[in-house]
Amino acid sequence: MKGEIRLIDPVLTSLAQTYKNNGFVADHLFPVVQINKRKGKIPFFGKQAFVYRDTVRAIRSDSNRLPPEELVYKEFEMLERDVEISLDYVEEEEIPNFLQIEKQVTNELMDILLLGREKEVADFAQNPNNYASDMKMIITSATAFDDYSKNVDPIAKIREAMAKVRQKIARYPNVMIIGESTYRALTLHPRITERLKYAGLGRMDVKRLSELVEIPNIYIGLGVYTTDGINFVDIWSDNILLAYIEEEEKGKTTRYGLSYGYFLQKSGYPEIDTYFENGGKIKVIRATDCYTFIVSTPEACFLIHNTNHLS
């Protein structure tokens, strides 16, 4: 920074830490956990709770201690990301409410950081190579969800995937992430519309789909990106992710349990700082985040891949 003084802006940092982009869904797959250290190890507690054990302790005997190998530690290392925008002091003089402009700049910087985060998670979660052979379903043209002439039942496919997750972790998935193109195919699928008509539920939407598959939390991936500023591409393509994500209940945290994974973020981030260039005539506003994501229970997520073949 050529010796410029860097100042943390508490107002803009507070704005950045509460800012959300409603089109992004990565946090529903990898819940955010704030951690003080940039790197280290985290203990994960999982399937040992389902092992049937003799827990009776005879008088004056030792307690029934779990074998140390059942406690799994995973290493992590966070990486820093940042992006900045410069403003000329003349602009500040010409704009009546410059603080509002700074807030808009902060939102734009956060959208850029969140877009990178969303795509990073989506690229990993939608890659069939990151799943065991029995935790993914590759849809062929013969079973395409958008080819209504094949008489395929997507709900049956989804329920089959749900059963696979339960077989592995004794829990049904409670989160479903759907690419927008797959969701569009489902809304018009005859097998689904017939079910809804028979049940008197009306047109298909996220709430109706949740009732059909009995998954409480369904999110549509609406995020897009562009590399040329002209053509936009879906971040979440024609895929369905069925995952079990532990939630906090009644103030009791269940972090580091049987969830598919977690998003580890450095405490206090994202943060907004400012510094000046060109003798104070250029003010630079910068957004910085520091994070990584980690898969704690790979078998807690099932991928239904490449659902559409006509669109």
C-alpha atoms as a PDB file:
ATOM      1  CA  MET A   1       0.000   0.000   0.000  1.00  0.00           C
ATOM      2  CA  LYS A   2       3.052   2.255  -0.283  1.00  0.00           C
ATOM      3  CA  GLY A   3       2.957   3.186   3.411  1.00  0.00           C
ATOM      4  CA  GLU A   4      -0.661   4.405   3.529  1.00  0.00           C
ATOM      5  CA  ILE A   5      -2.431   4.192   6.874  1.00  0.00           C
ATOM      6  CA  ARG A   6      -5.078   1.476   6.943  1.00  0.00           C
ATOM      7  CA  LEU A   7      -8.193   2.216   9.024  1.00  0.00           C
ATOM      8  CA  ILE A   8     -10.941  -0.264   9.875  1.00  0.00           C
ATOM      9  CA  ASP A   9     -14.362   1.338   9.305  1.00  0.00           C
ATOM     10  CA  PRO A  10     -16.664  -0.004  12.071  1.00  0.00           C
ATOM     11  CA  VAL A  11     -19.872   1.269  10.424  1.00  0.00           C
ATOM     12  CA  LEU A  12     -19.174  -0.304   7.035  1.00  0.00           C
ATOM     13  CA  THR A  13     -17.766  -3.455   8.651  1.00  0.00           C
ATOM     14  CA  SER A  14     -21.004  -3.886  10.620  1.00  0.00           C
ATOM     15  CA  LEU A  15     -22.936  -3.447   7.373  1.00  0.00           C
ATOM     16  CA  ALA A  16     -20.749  -6.003   5.602  1.00  0.00           C
ATOM     17  CA  GLN A  17     -21.144  -8.607   8.369  1.00  0.00           C
ATOM     18  CA  THR A  18     -24.938  -8.491   8.165  1.00  0.00           C
ATOM     19  CA  TYR A  19     -25.176  -8.221   4.382  1.00  0.00           C
ATOM     20  CA  LYS A  20     -26.821 -11.105   2.528  1.00  0.00           C
ATOM     21  CA  ASN A  21     -27.447 -11.832  -1.131  1.00  0.00           C
ATOM     22  CA  ASN A  22     -30.804 -13.614  -1.289  1.00  0.00           C
ATOM     23  CA  GLY A  23     -29.903 -15.385  -4.522  1.00  0.00           C
ATOM     24  CA  PHE A  24     -27.044 -17.307  -2.889  1.00  0.00           C
ATOM     25  CA  VAL A  25     -27.551 -20.609  -1.072  1.00  0.00           C
ATOM     26  CA  ALA A  26     -24.047 -21.877  -0.163  1.00  0.00           C
ATOM     27  CA  ASP A  27     -24.495 -21.034   3.534  1.00  0.00           C
ATOM     28  CA  HIS A  28     -27.437 -23.438   3.713  1.00  0.00           C
ATOM     29  CA  LEU A  29     -25.153 -26.291   2.656  1.00  0.00           C
ATOM     30  CA  PHE A  30     -22.133 -25.184   4.700  1.00  0.00           C
ATOM     31  CA  PRO A  31     -23.325 -23.278   7.817  1.00  0.00           C
ATOM     32  CA  VAL A  32     -20.971 -20.487   8.898  1.00  0.00           C
ATOM     33  CA  VAL A  33     -18.916 -21.008  12.063  1.00  0.00           C
ATOM     34  CA  GLN A  34     -16.605 -18.217  13.239  1.00  0.00           C
ATOM     35  CA  ILE A  35     -13.179 -19.278  14.499  1.00  0.00           C
ATOM     36  CA  ASN A  36     -10.386 -17.185  16.030  1.00  0.00           C
ATOM     37  CA  LYS A  37      -7.478 -18.978  14.325  1.00  0.00           C
ATOM     38  CA  ARG A  38      -6.624 -19.009  10.621  1.00  0.00           C
ATOM     39  CA  LYS A  39      -5.425 -22.599  10.724  1.00  0.00           C
ATOM     40  CA  GLY A  40      -5.597 -25.552  13.055  1.00  0.00           C
ATOM     41  CA  LYS A  41      -7.554 -28.715  13.796  1.00  0.00           C
ATOM     42  CA  ILE A  42     -11.217 -29.242  14.669  1.00  0.00           C
ATOM     43  CA  PRO A  43     -12.705 -32.312  16.402  1.00  0.00           C
ATOM     44  CA  PHE A  44     -15.785 -33.794  14.755  1.00  0.00           C
ATOM     45  CA  PHE A  45     -18.353 -35.953  16.522  1.00  0.00           C
ATOM     46  CA  GLY A  46     -20.409 -38.250  14.358  1.00  0.00           C
ATOM     47  CA  LYS A  47     -21.445 -41.869  14.108  1.00  0.00           C
ATOM     48  CA  GLN A  48     -20.087 -42.978  17.491  1.00  0.00           C
ATOM     49  CA  ALA A  49     -23.387 -41.795  18.999  1.00  0.00           C
ATOM     50  CA  PHE A  50     -25.165 -44.577  17.079  1.00  0.00           C
ATOM     51  CA  VAL A  51     -22.911 -47.420  18.211  1.00  0.00           C
ATOM     52  CA  TYR A  52     -24.682 -49.699  20.683  1.00  0.00           C
ATOM     53  CA  ARG A  53     -22.496 -50.043  23.778  1.00  0.00           C
ATOM     54  CA  ASP A  54     -22.577 -51.591  27.202  1.00  0.00           C
ATOM     55  CA  THR A  55     -22.709 -48.499  29.419  1.00  0.00           C
ATOM     56  CA  VAL A  56     -23.171 -50.271  32.763  1.00  0.00           C
ATOM     57  CA  ARG A  57     -20.360 -49.509  35.238  1.00  0.00           C
ATOM     58  CA  ALA A  58     -19.713 -51.992  38.021  1.00  0.00           C
ATOM     59  CA  ILE A  59     -18.908 -50.585  41.455  1.00  0.00           C
ATOM     60  CA  ARG A  60     -15.318 -49.281  41.736  1.00  0.00           C
ATOM     61  CA  SER A  61     -14.631 -50.104  38.108  1.00  0.00           C
ATOM     62  CA  ASP A  62     -13.448 -47.732  35.392  1.00  0.00           C
ATOM     63  CA  SER A  63     -15.857 -45.648  33.362  1.00  0.00           C
ATOM     64  CA  ASN A  64     -16.765 -46.723  29.833  1.00  0.00           C
ATOM     65  CA  ARG A  65     -14.393 -44.508  27.864  1.00  0.00           C
ATOM     66  CA  LEU A  66     -14.762 -44.238  24.108  1.00  0.00           C
ATOM     67  CA  PRO A  67     -11.743 -45.359  22.048  1.00  0.00           C
ATOM     68  CA  PRO A  68      -9.633 -42.303  21.122  1.00  0.00           C
ATOM     69  CA  GLU A  69      -9.633 -43.257  17.432  1.00  0.00           C
ATOM     70  CA  GLU A  70     -13.381 -42.552  17.276  1.00  0.00           C
ATOM     71  CA  LEU A  71     -12.738 -38.826  17.712  1.00  0.00           C
ATOM     72  CA  VAL A  72     -11.750 -37.445  14.318  1.00  0.00           C
ATOM     73  CA  TYR A  73      -9.739 -34.249  13.866  1.00  0.00           C
ATOM     74  CA  LYS A  74      -9.726 -32.380  10.569  1.00  0.00           C
ATOM     75  CA  GLU A  75      -7.112 -29.809   9.639  1.00  0.00           C
ATOM     76  CA  PHE A  76      -8.113 -26.475   8.128  1.00  0.00           C
ATOM     77  CA  GLU A  77      -6.404 -23.365   6.811  1.00  0.00           C
ATOM     78  CA  MET A  78      -8.294 -20.218   5.875  1.00  0.00           C
ATOM     79  CA  LEU A  79      -7.342 -18.097   2.889  1.00  0.00           C
ATOM     80  CA  GLU A  80      -7.793 -14.342   2.665  1.00  0.00           C
ATOM     81  CA  ARG A  81      -9.830 -12.762  -0.124  1.00  0.00           C
ATOM     82  CA  ASP A  82     -10.187  -9.042  -0.786  1.00  0.00           C
ATOM     83  CA  VAL A  83     -11.456  -6.549  -3.345  1.00  0.00           C
ATOM     84  CA  GLU A  84     -11.404  -2.751  -3.372  1.00  0.00           C
ATOM     85  CA  ILE A  85     -12.835   0.326  -5.106  1.00  0.00           C
ATOM     86  CA  SER A  86     -11.259   3.785  -5.320  1.00  0.00           C
ATOM     87  CA  LEU A  87     -13.131   7.109  -5.062  1.00  0.00           C
ATOM     88  CA  ASP A  88     -11.794  10.573  -5.895  1.00  0.00           C
ATOM     89  CA  TYR A  89     -12.181  13.356  -3.321  1.00  0.00           C
ATOM     90  CA  VAL A  90     -13.936  15.439  -6.000  1.00  0.00           C
ATOM     91  CA  GLU A  91     -16.701  12.827  -6.075  1.00  0.00           C
ATOM     92  CA  GLU A  92     -17.072  13.174  -2.322  1.00  0.00           C
ATOM     93  CA  GLU A  93     -17.478  16.935  -2.655  1.00  0.00           C
ATOM     94  CA  GLU A  94     -20.105  16.615  -5.396  1.00  0.00           C
ATOM     95  CA  ILE A  95     -22.298  13.981  -3.707  1.00  0.00           C
ATOM     96  CA  PRO A  96     -24.552  15.291  -0.877  1.00  0.00           C
ATOM     97  CA  ASN A  97     -24.791  12.017   1.051  1.00  0.00           C
ATOM     98  CA  PHE A  98     -21.411  10.408   0.528  1.00  0.00           C
ATOM     99  CA  LEU A  99     -21.961   7.895   3.358  1.00  0.00           C
ATOM    100  CA  GLN A 100     -24.791   6.385   1.326  1.00  0.00           C
ATOM    101  CA  ILE A 101     -22.409   5.979  -1.602  1.00  0.00           C
ATOM    102  CA  GLU A 102     -19.901   4.254   0.677  1.00  0.00           C
ATOM    103  CA  LYS A 103     -22.636   1.873   1.823  1.00  0.00           C
ATOM    104  CA  GLN A 104     -23.537   1.093  -1.790  1.00  0.00           C
ATOM    105  CA  VAL A 105     -19.872   0.473  -2.554  1.00  0.00           C
ATOM    106  CA  THR A 106     -19.673  -1.857   0.459  1.00  0.00           C
ATOM    107  CA  ASN A 107     -22.671  -3.827  -0.797  1.00  0.00           C
ATOM    108  CA  GLU A 108     -21.093  -4.141  -4.242  1.00  0.00           C
ATOM    109  CA  LEU A 109     -17.799  -5.331  -2.779  1.00  0.00           C
ATOM    110  CA  MET A 110     -19.640  -7.876  -0.630  1.00  0.00           C
ATOM    111  CA  ASP A 111     -21.583  -9.127  -3.657  1.00  0.00           C
ATOM    112  CA  ILE A 112     -18.258  -9.789  -5.384  1.00  0.00           C
ATOM    113  CA  LEU A 113     -16.848 -11.666  -2.376  1.00  0.00           C
ATOM    114  CA  LEU A 114     -20.060 -13.638  -1.862  1.00  0.00           C
ATOM    115  CA  LEU A 115     -20.202 -14.519  -5.552  1.00  0.00           C
ATOM    116  CA  GLY A 116     -16.720 -16.022  -5.333  1.00  0.00           C
ATOM    117  CA  ARG A 117     -17.703 -17.923  -2.210  1.00  0.00           C
ATOM    118  CA  GLU A 118     -20.918 -19.207  -3.795  1.00  0.00           C
ATOM    119  CA  LYS A 119     -19.154 -20.431  -6.929  1.00  0.00           C
ATOM    120  CA  GLU A 120     -16.354 -22.068  -4.952  1.00  0.00           C
ATOM    121  CA  VAL A 121     -18.848 -24.091  -2.906  1.00  0.00           C
ATOM    122  CA  ALA A 122     -21.066 -24.866  -5.924  1.00  0.00           C
ATOM    123  CA  ASP A 123     -18.156 -26.097  -8.042  1.00  0.00           C
ATOM    124  CA  PHE A 124     -17.131 -28.486  -5.286  1.00  0.00           C
ATOM    125  CA  ALA A 125     -20.590 -29.700  -4.297  1.00  0.00           C
ATOM    126  CA  GLN A 126     -21.715 -30.309  -7.895  1.00  0.00           C
ATOM    127  CA  ASN A 127     -18.616 -32.276  -8.905  1.00  0.00           C
ATOM    128  CA  PRO A 128     -19.461 -36.015  -9.069  1.00  0.00           C
ATOM    129  CA  ASN A 129     -15.788 -36.834  -8.430  1.00  0.00           C
ATOM    130  CA  ASN A 130     -16.223 -35.580  -4.855  1.00  0.00           C
ATOM    131  CA  TYR A 131     -18.764 -38.304  -4.029  1.00  0.00           C
ATOM    132  CA  ALA A 132     -18.496 -42.027  -3.411  1.00  0.00           C
ATOM    133  CA  SER A 133     -20.092 -44.193  -6.081  1.00  0.00           C
ATOM    134  CA  ASP A 134     -23.111 -44.991  -3.902  1.00  0.00           C
ATOM    135  CA  MET A 135     -23.702 -41.341  -2.953  1.00  0.00           C
ATOM    136  CA  LYS A 136     -24.440 -39.998  -6.423  1.00  0.00           C
ATOM    137  CA  MET A 137     -26.964 -40.616  -9.180  1.00  0.00           C
ATOM    138  CA  ILE A 138     -26.007 -39.664 -12.740  1.00  0.00           C
ATOM    139  CA  ILE A 139     -29.157 -38.987 -14.761  1.00  0.00           C
ATOM    140  CA  THR A 140     -28.967 -40.158 -18.385  1.00  0.00           C
ATOM    141  CA  SER A 141     -31.053 -39.083 -21.372  1.00  0.00           C
ATOM    142  CA  ALA A 142     -33.297 -42.106 -20.744  1.00  0.00           C
ATOM    143  CA  THR A 143     -34.253 -40.757 -17.297  1.00  0.00           C
ATOM    144  CA  ALA A 144     -34.001 -37.002 -17.910  1.00  0.00           C
ATOM    145  CA  PHE A 145     -36.225 -34.899 -15.668  1.00  0.00           C
ATOM    146  CA  ASP A 146     -37.074 -32.473 -18.485  1.00  0.00           C
ATOM    147  CA  ASP A 147     -38.063 -35.136 -21.016  1.00  0.00           C
ATOM    148  CA  TYR A 148     -41.677 -35.721 -20.063  1.00  0.00           C
ATOM    149  CA  SER A 149     -42.121 -38.434 -22.709  1.00  0.00           C
ATOM    150  CA  LYS A 150     -39.942 -40.816 -20.640  1.00  0.00           C
ATOM    151  CA  ASN A 151     -42.520 -41.071 -17.830  1.00  0.00           C
ATOM    152  CA  VAL A 152     -39.763 -40.781 -15.216  1.00  0.00           C
ATOM    153  CA  ASP A 153     -40.824 -40.063 -11.630  1.00  0.00           C
ATOM    154  CA  PRO A 154     -38.416 -37.429 -10.201  1.00  0.00           C
ATOM    155  CA  ILE A 155     -39.971 -37.682  -6.735  1.00  0.00           C
ATOM    156  CA  ALA A 156     -39.144 -41.389  -6.649  1.00  0.00           C
ATOM    157  CA  LYS A 157     -35.550 -40.591  -7.624  1.00  0.00           C
ATOM    158  CA  ILE A 158     -35.311 -37.994  -4.872  1.00  0.00           C
ATOM    159  CA  ARG A 159     -36.749 -40.387  -2.283  1.00  0.00           C
ATOM    160  CA  GLU A 160     -34.254 -43.035  -3.386  1.00  0.00           C
ATOM    161  CA  ALA A 161     -31.428 -40.576  -2.769  1.00  0.00           C
ATOM    162  CA  MET A 162     -32.886 -39.645   0.621  1.00  0.00           C
ATOM    163  CA  ALA A 163     -32.910 -43.300   1.651  1.00  0.00           C
ATOM    164  CA  LYS A 164     -29.211 -43.591   0.708  1.00  0.00           C
ATOM    165  CA  VAL A 165     -28.314 -40.763   3.083  1.00  0.00           C
ATOM    166  CA  ARG A 166     -30.314 -42.329   5.910  1.00  0.00           C
ATOM    167  CA  GLN A 167     -28.577 -45.665   5.352  1.00  0.00           C
ATOM    168  CA  LYS A 168     -25.229 -43.943   5.890  1.00  0.00           C
ATOM    169  CA  ILE A 169     -25.911 -41.585   8.802  1.00  0.00           C
ATOM    170  CA  ALA A 170     -29.272 -42.679  10.274  1.00  0.00           C
ATOM    171  CA  ARG A 171     -30.761 -39.308   9.341  1.00  0.00           C
ATOM    172  CA  TYR A 172     -32.895 -38.245   6.398  1.00  0.00           C
ATOM    173  CA  PRO A 173     -31.662 -35.150   4.528  1.00  0.00           C
ATOM    174  CA  ASN A 174     -33.168 -31.925   5.831  1.00  0.00           C
ATOM    175  CA  VAL A 175     -31.753 -29.597   3.164  1.00  0.00           C
ATOM    176  CA  MET A 176     -32.186 -29.707  -0.596  1.00  0.00           C
ATOM    177  CA  ILE A 177     -30.350 -27.397  -2.997  1.00  0.00           C
ATOM    178  CA  ILE A 178     -31.775 -27.318  -6.534  1.00  0.00           C
ATOM    179  CA  GLY A 179     -30.382 -25.671  -9.632  1.00  0.00           C
ATOM    180  CA  GLU A 180     -32.846 -23.252 -11.234  1.00  0.00           C
ATOM    181  CA  SER A 181     -33.093 -25.250 -14.479  1.00  0.00           C
ATOM    182  CA  THR A 182     -33.868 -28.456 -12.577  1.00  0.00           C
ATOM    183  CA  TYR A 183     -36.478 -26.680 -10.473  1.00  0.00           C
ATOM    184  CA  ARG A 184     -38.086 -25.342 -13.657  1.00  0.00           C
ATOM    185  CA  ALA A 185     -38.260 -28.877 -15.077  1.00  0.00           C
ATOM    186  CA  LEU A 186     -39.877 -30.146 -11.869  1.00  0.00           C
ATOM    187  CA  THR A 187     -42.563 -27.431 -11.806  1.00  0.00           C
ATOM    188  CA  LEU A 188     -43.936 -28.644 -15.150  1.00  0.00           C
ATOM    189  CA  HIS A 189     -43.350 -32.371 -14.773  1.00  0.00           C
ATOM    190  CA  PRO A 190     -46.615 -34.330 -15.366  1.00  0.00           C
ATOM    191  CA  ARG A 191     -45.915 -36.840 -12.586  1.00  0.00           C
ATOM    192  CA  ILE A 192     -45.609 -33.972 -10.105  1.00  0.00           C
ATOM    193  CA  THR A 193     -48.513 -31.868 -11.367  1.00  0.00           C
ATOM    194  CA  GLU A 194     -50.735 -34.966 -11.246  1.00  0.00           C
ATOM    195  CA  ARG A 195     -49.795 -35.545  -7.596  1.00  0.00           C
ATOM    196  CA  LEU A 196     -50.591 -31.960  -6.720  1.00  0.00           C
ATOM    197  CA  LYS A 197     -53.884 -32.041  -8.589  1.00  0.00           C
ATOM    198  CA  TYR A 198     -54.916 -35.260  -6.833  1.00  0.00           C
ATOM    199  CA  ALA A 199     -54.044 -33.747  -3.428  1.00  0.00           C
ATOM    200  CA  GLY A 200     -55.764 -30.475  -4.282  1.00  0.00           C
ATOM    201  CA  LEU A 201     -52.581 -28.488  -3.647  1.00  0.00           C
ATOM    202  CA  GLY A 202     -52.605 -26.270  -6.747  1.00  0.00           C
ATOM    203  CA  ARG A 203     -49.513 -25.271  -8.695  1.00  0.00           C
ATOM    204  CA  MET A 204     -46.033 -26.481  -7.757  1.00  0.00           C
ATOM    205  CA  ASP A 205     -43.786 -24.183  -5.749  1.00  0.00           C
ATOM    206  CA  VAL A 206     -41.044 -24.655  -3.149  1.00  0.00           C
ATOM    207  CA  LYS A 207     -43.589 -25.159  -0.350  1.00  0.00           C
ATOM    208  CA  ARG A 208     -45.474 -27.832  -2.325  1.00  0.00           C
ATOM    209  CA  LEU A 209     -42.247 -29.579  -3.273  1.00  0.00           C
ATOM    210  CA  SER A 210     -41.220 -29.605   0.383  1.00  0.00           C
ATOM    211  CA  GLU A 211     -44.488 -31.321   1.265  1.00  0.00           C
ATOM    212  CA  LEU A 212     -44.107 -33.890  -1.526  1.00  0.00           C
ATOM    213  CA  VAL A 213     -40.581 -35.000  -0.611  1.00  0.00           C
ATOM    214  CA  GLU A 214     -40.834 -34.275   3.129  1.00  0.00           C
ATOM    215  CA  ILE A 215     -37.700 -32.140   3.254  1.00  0.00           C
ATOM    216  CA  PRO A 216     -38.217 -29.006   5.383  1.00  0.00           C
ATOM    217  CA  ASN A 217     -35.570 -26.760   3.850  1.00  0.00           C
ATOM    218  CA  ILE A 218     -35.479 -26.389   0.058  1.00  0.00           C
ATOM    219  CA  TYR A 219     -33.452 -23.661  -1.642  1.00  0.00           C
ATOM    220  CA  ILE A 220     -33.207 -22.741  -5.317  1.00  0.00           C
ATOM    221  CA  GLY A 221     -29.758 -21.717  -6.520  1.00  0.00           C
ATOM    222  CA  LEU A 222     -30.432 -18.505  -8.450  1.00  0.00           C
ATOM    223  CA  GLY A 223     -26.892 -17.104  -8.543  1.00  0.00           C
ATOM    224  CA  VAL A 224     -25.262 -16.379 -11.892  1.00  0.00           C
ATOM    225  CA  TYR A 225     -21.831 -15.201 -13.011  1.00  0.00           C
ATOM    226  CA  THR A 226     -20.211 -13.841 -16.140  1.00  0.00           C
ATOM    227  CA  THR A 227     -16.646 -13.832 -17.400  1.00  0.00           C
ATOM    228  CA  ASP A 228     -17.184 -11.299 -20.190  1.00  0.00           C
ATOM    229  CA  GLY A 229     -19.827  -8.999 -18.704  1.00  0.00           C
ATOM    230  CA  ILE A 230     -22.330 -10.063 -21.368  1.00  0.00           C
ATOM    231  CA  ASN A 231     -23.218 -13.736 -21.103  1.00  0.00           C
ATOM    232  CA  PHE A 232     -24.480 -15.080 -17.778  1.00  0.00           C
ATOM    233  CA  VAL A 233     -24.089 -18.657 -16.551  1.00  0.00           C
ATOM    234  CA  ASP A 234     -25.904 -20.387 -13.684  1.00  0.00           C
ATOM    235  CA  ILE A 235     -23.674 -21.101 -10.696  1.00  0.00           C
ATOM    236  CA  TRP A 236     -25.931 -24.024  -9.750  1.00  0.00           C
ATOM    237  CA  SER A 237     -26.635 -26.084 -12.858  1.00  0.00           C
ATOM    238  CA  ASP A 238     -29.073 -28.981 -13.400  1.00  0.00           C
ATOM    239  CA  ASN A 239     -28.326 -30.790 -10.151  1.00  0.00           C
ATOM    240  CA  ILE A 240     -29.990 -31.625  -6.849  1.00  0.00           C
ATOM    241  CA  LEU A 241     -28.104 -31.860  -3.554  1.00  0.00           C
ATOM    242  CA  LEU A 242     -29.709 -33.675  -0.634  1.00  0.00           C
ATOM    243  CA  ALA A 243     -27.865 -33.066   2.620  1.00  0.00           C
ATOM    244  CA  TYR A 244     -28.219 -33.417   6.347  1.00  0.00           C
ATOM    245  CA  ILE A 245     -27.208 -30.218   8.148  1.00  0.00           C
ATOM    246  CA  GLU A 246     -27.338 -30.082  11.930  1.00  0.00           C
ATOM    247  CA  GLU A 247     -29.142 -27.075  13.333  1.00  0.00           C
ATOM    248  CA  GLU A 248     -29.074 -25.234  16.620  1.00  0.00           C
ATOM    249  CA  GLU A 249     -32.059 -26.142  18.746  1.00  0.00           C
ATOM    250  CA  LYS A 250     -33.248 -24.301  21.873  1.00  0.00           C
ATOM    251  CA  GLY A 251     -29.937 -22.492  22.285  1.00  0.00           C
ATOM    252  CA  LYS A 252     -27.904 -25.689  22.286  1.00  0.00           C
ATOM    253  CA  THR A 253     -25.320 -25.771  19.534  1.00  0.00           C
ATOM    254  CA  THR A 254     -24.732 -28.962  17.579  1.00  0.00           C
ATOM    255  CA  ARG A 255     -21.767 -27.650  15.635  1.00  0.00           C
ATOM    256  CA  TYR A 256     -19.119 -30.136  14.510  1.00  0.00           C
ATOM    257  CA  GLY A 257     -21.587 -32.980  14.549  1.00  0.00           C
ATOM    258  CA  LEU A 258     -23.018 -35.141  11.793  1.00  0.00           C
ATOM    259  CA  SER A 259     -23.474 -32.333   9.246  1.00  0.00           C
ATOM    260  CA  TYR A 260     -22.214 -32.585   5.685  1.00  0.00           C
ATOM    261  CA  GLY A 261     -19.820 -29.712   6.317  1.00  0.00           C
ATOM    262  CA  TYR A 262     -19.116 -26.257   7.702  1.00  0.00           C
ATOM    263  CA  PHE A 263     -17.987 -22.887   6.436  1.00  0.00           C
ATOM    264  CA  LEU A 264     -15.143 -21.712   8.677  1.00  0.00           C
ATOM    265  CA  GLN A 265     -14.728 -17.937   8.818  1.00  0.00           C
ATOM    266  CA  LYS A 266     -12.181 -15.895  10.757  1.00  0.00           C
ATOM    267  CA  SER A 267     -13.808 -14.106  13.674  1.00  0.00           C
ATOM    268  CA  GLY A 268     -14.531 -10.448  12.928  1.00  0.00           C
ATOM    269  CA  TYR A 269     -14.706 -10.942   9.174  1.00  0.00           C
ATOM    270  CA  PRO A 270     -15.677  -9.726   6.678  1.00  0.00           C
ATOM    271  CA  GLU A 271     -14.191  -6.333   7.467  1.00  0.00           C
ATOM    272  CA  ILE A 272     -14.089  -3.025   5.622  1.00  0.00           C
ATOM    273  CA  ASP A 273     -11.035  -0.799   5.781  1.00  0.00           C
ATOM    274  CA  THR A 274     -10.035   2.395   4.000  1.00  0.00           C
ATOM    275  CA  TYR A 275      -6.779   4.055   3.035  1.00  0.00           C
ATOM    276  CA  PHE A 276      -5.739   7.037   0.904  1.00  0.00           C
ATOM    277  CA  GLU A 277      -3.544   7.401  -2.181  1.00  0.00           C
ATOM    278  CA  ASN A 278      -2.224  10.250  -4.299  1.00  0.00           C
ATOM    279  CA  GLY A 279      -1.653  12.575  -1.370  1.00  0.00           C
ATOM    280  CA  GLY A 280      -5.115  11.943   0.049  1.00  0.00           C
ATOM    281  CA  LYS A 281      -7.036  12.655  -3.157  1.00  0.00           C
ATOM    282  CA  ILE A 282      -7.991   9.020  -3.736  1.00  0.00           C
ATOM    283  CA  LYS A 283      -9.914   7.138  -1.045  1.00  0.00           C
ATOM    284  CA  VAL A 284      -9.822   3.347  -1.348  1.00  0.00           C
ATOM    285  CA  ILE A 285     -12.561   1.226   0.242  1.00  0.00           C
ATOM    286  CA  ARG A 286     -11.610  -2.421   0.632  1.00  0.00           C
ATOM    287  CA  ALA A 287     -13.564  -5.507   1.699  1.00  0.00           C
ATOM    288  CA  THR A 288     -11.639  -8.467   3.132  1.00  0.00           C
ATOM    289  CA  ASP A 289     -12.841 -11.931   4.076  1.00  0.00           C
ATOM    290  CA  CYS A 290     -10.960 -14.927   5.427  1.00  0.00           C
ATOM    291  CA  TYR A 291     -12.452 -18.401   5.238  1.00  0.00           C
ATOM    292  CA  THR A 292     -12.461 -21.987   4.054  1.00  0.00           C
ATOM    293  CA  PHE A 293     -15.075 -24.718   3.953  1.00  0.00           C
ATOM    294  CA  ILE A 294     -14.624 -28.244   5.187  1.00  0.00           C
ATOM    295  CA  VAL A 295     -16.531 -31.494   4.573  1.00  0.00           C
ATOM    296  CA  SER A 296     -16.964 -33.227   7.915  1.00  0.00           C
ATOM    297  CA  THR A 297     -19.307 -36.078   6.925  1.00  0.00           C
ATOM    298  CA  PRO A 298     -19.076 -36.821   3.172  1.00  0.00           C
ATOM    299  CA  GLU A 299     -21.847 -39.429   3.305  1.00  0.00           C
ATOM    300  CA  ALA A 300     -24.296 -36.827   4.651  1.00  0.00           C
ATOM    301  CA  CYS A 301     -24.822 -35.470   1.123  1.00  0.00           C
ATOM    302  CA  PHE A 302     -26.143 -37.120  -2.045  1.00  0.00           C
ATOM    303  CA  LEU A 303     -25.779 -35.666  -5.561  1.00  0.00           C
ATOM    304  CA  ILE A 304     -28.372 -36.126  -8.315  1.00  0.00           C
ATOM    305  CA  HIS A 305     -26.360 -34.965 -11.313  1.00  0.00           C
ATOM    306  CA  ASN A 306     -27.207 -33.780 -14.830  1.00  0.00           C
ATOM    307  CA  THR A 307     -30.991 -33.979 -14.509  1.00  0.00           C
ATOM    308  CA  ASN A 308     -31.830 -32.155 -17.748  1.00  0.00           C
ATOM    309  CA  HIS A 309     -30.971 -33.265 -21.297  1.00  0.00           C
ATOM    310  CA  LEU A 310     -33.312 -31.189 -23.469  1.00  0.00           C
ATOM    311  CA  SER A 311     -32.578 -27.750 -22.029  1.00  0.00           C
END
